């Protein structure tokens, strides 16, 4: 009997693991909001205006330099926020819950594959028995003409 669509089947186990992953992602998002700060849009807007309004090569060079500096600082802030949120999240029980759910899903999938392979082998063995009428359960019961 196939367990693919039952409570213990691989499809349900993968769905459960997906739910656990969503829960963990939600916790990470919460930590990110608590621990993180997004870069100010005002600074980016000011630099954008300076790039647009630049009239000389020097003004443009300064605006590009400031844009690069602002971008680098913004990326460091975001990176720090993500790192703090990840650090907080990895201590969560939800990490272990997800790990267990993934392990169960993989195990159920492997069991299902093994079950299908066994069914296929059995089917193939039955087909071979039907194809060789002179052989019953591996014993020759009548010689075939070409074997003489």
C-alpha atoms as a PDB file:
ATOM      1  CA  UNK A   1       0.000   0.000   0.000  1.00  0.00           C
ATOM      2  CA  UNK A   2       1.352   3.383  -0.927  1.00  0.00           C
ATOM      3  CA  UNK A   3       1.725   5.961   1.823  1.00  0.00           C
ATOM      4  CA  UNK A   4       2.228   8.950  -0.482  1.00  0.00           C
ATOM      5  CA  UNK A   5      -1.058  10.641   0.384  1.00  0.00           C
ATOM      6  CA  UNK A   6      -1.415   9.603   4.021  1.00  0.00           C
ATOM      7  CA  UNK A   7      -0.518  11.436   7.204  1.00  0.00           C
ATOM      8  CA  UNK A   8       2.829   9.630   7.213  1.00  0.00           C
ATOM      9  CA  UNK A   9       3.476   9.916   3.476  1.00  0.00           C
ATOM     10  CA  UNK A  10       6.299  11.953   1.974  1.00  0.00           C
ATOM     11  CA  UNK A  11       4.039  14.638   0.517  1.00  0.00           C
ATOM     12  CA  UNK A  12       2.568  15.417   3.924  1.00  0.00           C
ATOM     13  CA  UNK A  13       5.998  15.301   5.544  1.00  0.00           C
ATOM     14  CA  UNK A  14       7.364  17.816   3.001  1.00  0.00           C
ATOM     15  CA  UNK A  15       4.321  20.037   3.583  1.00  0.00           C
ATOM     16  CA  UNK A  16       4.998  19.886   7.334  1.00  0.00           C
ATOM     17  CA  UNK A  17       8.645  20.791   6.745  1.00  0.00           C
ATOM     18  CA  UNK A  18       7.541  23.733   4.601  1.00  0.00           C
ATOM     19  CA  UNK A  19       5.352  24.959   7.448  1.00  0.00           C
ATOM     20  CA  UNK A  20       8.296  24.698   9.852  1.00  0.00           C
ATOM     21  CA  UNK A  21      10.480  26.631   7.375  1.00  0.00           C
ATOM     22  CA  UNK A  22       7.840  29.352   7.137  1.00  0.00           C
ATOM     23  CA  UNK A  23       7.683  29.555  10.933  1.00  0.00           C
ATOM     24  CA  UNK A  24      11.461  29.892  11.149  1.00  0.00           C
ATOM     25  CA  UNK A  25      11.499  32.536   8.408  1.00  0.00           C
ATOM     26  CA  UNK A  26       8.844  34.457  10.335  1.00  0.00           C
ATOM     27  CA  UNK A  27      10.960  34.361  13.458  1.00  0.00           C
ATOM     28  CA  UNK A  28      13.999  35.552  11.483  1.00  0.00           C
ATOM     29  CA  UNK A  29      11.921  38.388  10.060  1.00  0.00           C
ATOM     30  CA  UNK A  30      10.839  39.363  13.565  1.00  0.00           C
ATOM     31  CA  UNK A  31      14.448  39.395  14.766  1.00  0.00           C
ATOM     32  CA  UNK A  32      15.447  41.450  11.745  1.00  0.00           C
ATOM     33  CA  UNK A  33      12.805  44.049  12.551  1.00  0.00           C
ATOM     34  CA  UNK A  34      13.857  44.115  16.226  1.00  0.00           C
ATOM     35  CA  UNK A  35      17.622  44.204  15.665  1.00  0.00           C
ATOM     36  CA  UNK A  36      17.918  45.886  12.338  1.00  0.00           C
ATOM     37  CA  UNK A  37      17.799  49.281  10.887  1.00  0.00           C
ATOM     38  CA  UNK A  38      17.260  50.080   7.280  1.00  0.00           C
ATOM     39  CA  UNK A  39      19.412  52.758   5.711  1.00  0.00           C
ATOM     40  CA  UNK A  40      17.870  56.176   5.435  1.00  0.00           C
ATOM     41  CA  UNK A  41      16.187  56.881   2.143  1.00  0.00           C
ATOM     42  CA  UNK A  42      16.808  60.582   2.685  1.00  0.00           C
ATOM     43  CA  UNK A  43      20.565  60.151   2.221  1.00  0.00           C
ATOM     44  CA  UNK A  44      20.062  58.200  -0.986  1.00  0.00           C
ATOM     45  CA  UNK A  45      17.638  60.801  -2.296  1.00  0.00           C
ATOM     46  CA  UNK A  46      20.090  63.622  -1.544  1.00  0.00           C
ATOM     47  CA  UNK A  47      22.900  61.818  -3.358  1.00  0.00           C
ATOM     48  CA  UNK A  48      20.592  61.111  -6.299  1.00  0.00           C
ATOM     49  CA  UNK A  49      19.763  64.785  -6.556  1.00  0.00           C
ATOM     50  CA  UNK A  50      23.465  65.697  -6.420  1.00  0.00           C
ATOM     51  CA  UNK A  51      24.159  63.266  -9.278  1.00  0.00           C
ATOM     52  CA  UNK A  52      21.384  64.791 -11.358  1.00  0.00           C
ATOM     53  CA  UNK A  53      22.336  68.382 -10.573  1.00  0.00           C
ATOM     54  CA  UNK A  54      26.088  67.956 -11.117  1.00  0.00           C
ATOM     55  CA  UNK A  55      27.294  70.521 -13.674  1.00  0.00           C
ATOM     56  CA  UNK A  56      31.018  69.954 -13.658  1.00  0.00           C
ATOM     57  CA  UNK A  57      33.278  66.971 -13.752  1.00  0.00           C
ATOM     58  CA  UNK A  58      34.354  67.671 -10.147  1.00  0.00           C
ATOM     59  CA  UNK A  59      30.757  67.888  -8.872  1.00  0.00           C
ATOM     60  CA  UNK A  60      29.927  64.606 -10.599  1.00  0.00           C
ATOM     61  CA  UNK A  61      33.077  62.951  -9.240  1.00  0.00           C
ATOM     62  CA  UNK A  62      32.229  64.089  -5.685  1.00  0.00           C
ATOM     63  CA  UNK A  63      28.607  62.943  -6.022  1.00  0.00           C
ATOM     64  CA  UNK A  64      29.691  59.502  -7.313  1.00  0.00           C
ATOM     65  CA  UNK A  65      32.223  59.190  -4.496  1.00  0.00           C
ATOM     66  CA  UNK A  66      29.553  60.063  -1.919  1.00  0.00           C
ATOM     67  CA  UNK A  67      27.127  57.624  -3.541  1.00  0.00           C
ATOM     68  CA  UNK A  68      29.693  54.821  -3.291  1.00  0.00           C
ATOM     69  CA  UNK A  69      30.449  55.682   0.325  1.00  0.00           C
ATOM     70  CA  UNK A  70      26.735  55.852   1.207  1.00  0.00           C
ATOM     71  CA  UNK A  71      26.058  52.533  -0.570  1.00  0.00           C
ATOM     72  CA  UNK A  72      28.929  50.841   1.259  1.00  0.00           C
ATOM     73  CA  UNK A  73      27.721  52.123   4.628  1.00  0.00           C
ATOM     74  CA  UNK A  74      24.152  51.054   3.851  1.00  0.00           C
ATOM     75  CA  UNK A  75      25.290  47.553   2.902  1.00  0.00           C
ATOM     76  CA  UNK A  76      27.310  47.264   6.127  1.00  0.00           C
ATOM     77  CA  UNK A  77      24.245  48.323   8.155  1.00  0.00           C
ATOM     78  CA  UNK A  78      21.995  45.818   6.395  1.00  0.00           C
ATOM     79  CA  UNK A  79      24.638  43.082   6.689  1.00  0.00           C
ATOM     80  CA  UNK A  80      25.002  43.746  10.412  1.00  0.00           C
ATOM     81  CA  UNK A  81      21.238  43.637  10.883  1.00  0.00           C
ATOM     82  CA  UNK A  82      20.972  40.335   9.002  1.00  0.00           C
ATOM     83  CA  UNK A  83      23.877  38.870  10.977  1.00  0.00           C
ATOM     84  CA  UNK A  84      22.314  39.850  14.326  1.00  0.00           C
ATOM     85  CA  UNK A  85      18.920  38.479  13.275  1.00  0.00           C
ATOM     86  CA  UNK A  86      20.467  35.208  12.090  1.00  0.00           C
ATOM     87  CA  UNK A  87      22.431  34.872  15.315  1.00  0.00           C
ATOM     88  CA  UNK A  88      19.262  35.340  17.368  1.00  0.00           C
ATOM     89  CA  UNK A  89      17.280  32.960  15.166  1.00  0.00           C
ATOM     90  CA  UNK A  90      19.776  30.101  15.207  1.00  0.00           C
ATOM     91  CA  UNK A  91      19.246  29.764  18.964  1.00  0.00           C
ATOM     92  CA  UNK A  92      15.541  29.083  18.370  1.00  0.00           C
ATOM     93  CA  UNK A  93      13.825  25.738  18.940  1.00  0.00           C
ATOM     94  CA  UNK A  94      12.326  26.252  15.499  1.00  0.00           C
ATOM     95  CA  UNK A  95      15.697  25.442  13.935  1.00  0.00           C
ATOM     96  CA  UNK A  96      15.609  21.992  15.544  1.00  0.00           C
ATOM     97  CA  UNK A  97      11.937  21.602  14.594  1.00  0.00           C
ATOM     98  CA  UNK A  98      12.788  22.339  10.957  1.00  0.00           C
ATOM     99  CA  UNK A  99      15.789  20.009  11.007  1.00  0.00           C
ATOM    100  CA  UNK A 100      13.626  17.190  12.412  1.00  0.00           C
ATOM    101  CA  UNK A 101      10.831  17.853   9.907  1.00  0.00           C
ATOM    102  CA  UNK A 102      13.281  17.782   6.989  1.00  0.00           C
ATOM    103  CA  UNK A 103      14.809  14.562   8.279  1.00  0.00           C
ATOM    104  CA  UNK A 104      11.349  12.962   8.554  1.00  0.00           C
ATOM    105  CA  UNK A 105      10.423  14.130   5.057  1.00  0.00           C
ATOM    106  CA  UNK A 106      13.610  12.728   3.583  1.00  0.00           C
ATOM    107  CA  UNK A 107      13.157   9.439   5.426  1.00  0.00           C
ATOM    108  CA  UNK A 108       9.540   9.122   4.254  1.00  0.00           C
ATOM    109  CA  UNK A 109      10.654   9.856   0.683  1.00  0.00           C
ATOM    110  CA  UNK A 110      13.373   7.219   0.839  1.00  0.00           C
ATOM    111  CA  UNK A 111      10.899   4.680   2.268  1.00  0.00           C
ATOM    112  CA  UNK A 112       8.454   5.453  -0.527  1.00  0.00           C
ATOM    113  CA  UNK A 113      11.179   5.052  -3.154  1.00  0.00           C
ATOM    114  CA  UNK A 114      12.247   1.723  -1.653  1.00  0.00           C
ATOM    115  CA  UNK A 115       8.600   0.596  -1.611  1.00  0.00           C
ATOM    116  CA  UNK A 116       8.152   1.509  -5.278  1.00  0.00           C
ATOM    117  CA  UNK A 117      11.399  -0.248  -6.221  1.00  0.00           C
ATOM    118  CA  UNK A 118      10.301  -3.419  -4.419  1.00  0.00           C
ATOM    119  CA  UNK A 119       6.928  -3.308  -6.202  1.00  0.00           C
ATOM    120  CA  UNK A 120       8.697  -2.852  -9.539  1.00  0.00           C
ATOM    121  CA  UNK A 121      11.080  -5.745  -8.885  1.00  0.00           C
ATOM    122  CA  UNK A 122       8.166  -7.982  -7.938  1.00  0.00           C
ATOM    123  CA  UNK A 123       6.283  -6.974 -11.074  1.00  0.00           C
ATOM    124  CA  UNK A 124       9.359  -7.637 -13.209  1.00  0.00           C
ATOM    125  CA  UNK A 125       9.845 -11.075 -11.617  1.00  0.00           C
ATOM    126  CA  UNK A 126       6.216 -11.969 -12.314  1.00  0.00           C
ATOM    127  CA  UNK A 127       6.585 -10.839 -15.933  1.00  0.00           C
ATOM    128  CA  UNK A 128       9.649 -13.041 -16.369  1.00  0.00           C
ATOM    129  CA  UNK A 129       7.808 -16.051 -14.965  1.00  0.00           C
ATOM    130  CA  UNK A 130       5.006 -15.522 -17.472  1.00  0.00           C
ATOM    131  CA  UNK A 131       7.479 -15.091 -20.326  1.00  0.00           C
ATOM    132  CA  UNK A 132       9.176 -18.436 -19.618  1.00  0.00           C
ATOM    133  CA  UNK A 133       6.433 -21.052 -19.424  1.00  0.00           C
ATOM    134  CA  UNK A 134       8.886 -23.950 -19.007  1.00  0.00           C
ATOM    135  CA  UNK A 135      10.255 -22.599 -15.725  1.00  0.00           C
ATOM    136  CA  UNK A 136       8.369 -22.622 -12.425  1.00  0.00           C
ATOM    137  CA  UNK A 137       9.891 -20.906  -9.389  1.00  0.00           C
ATOM    138  CA  UNK A 138      13.357 -21.169 -10.902  1.00  0.00           C
ATOM    139  CA  UNK A 139      13.115 -24.901 -11.679  1.00  0.00           C
ATOM    140  CA  UNK A 140      13.017 -26.275 -15.195  1.00  0.00           C
ATOM    141  CA  UNK A 141       9.861 -28.348 -15.638  1.00  0.00           C
ATOM    142  CA  UNK A 142      10.127 -28.913 -19.358  1.00  0.00           C
ATOM    143  CA  UNK A 143      13.027 -28.592 -21.701  1.00  0.00           C
ATOM    144  CA  UNK A 144      12.653 -26.122 -24.477  1.00  0.00           C
ATOM    145  CA  UNK A 145      13.475 -27.148 -27.981  1.00  0.00           C
ATOM    146  CA  UNK A 146      16.350 -24.671 -28.386  1.00  0.00           C
ATOM    147  CA  UNK A 147      18.031 -26.008 -25.188  1.00  0.00           C
ATOM    148  CA  UNK A 148      18.510 -29.505 -26.689  1.00  0.00           C
END
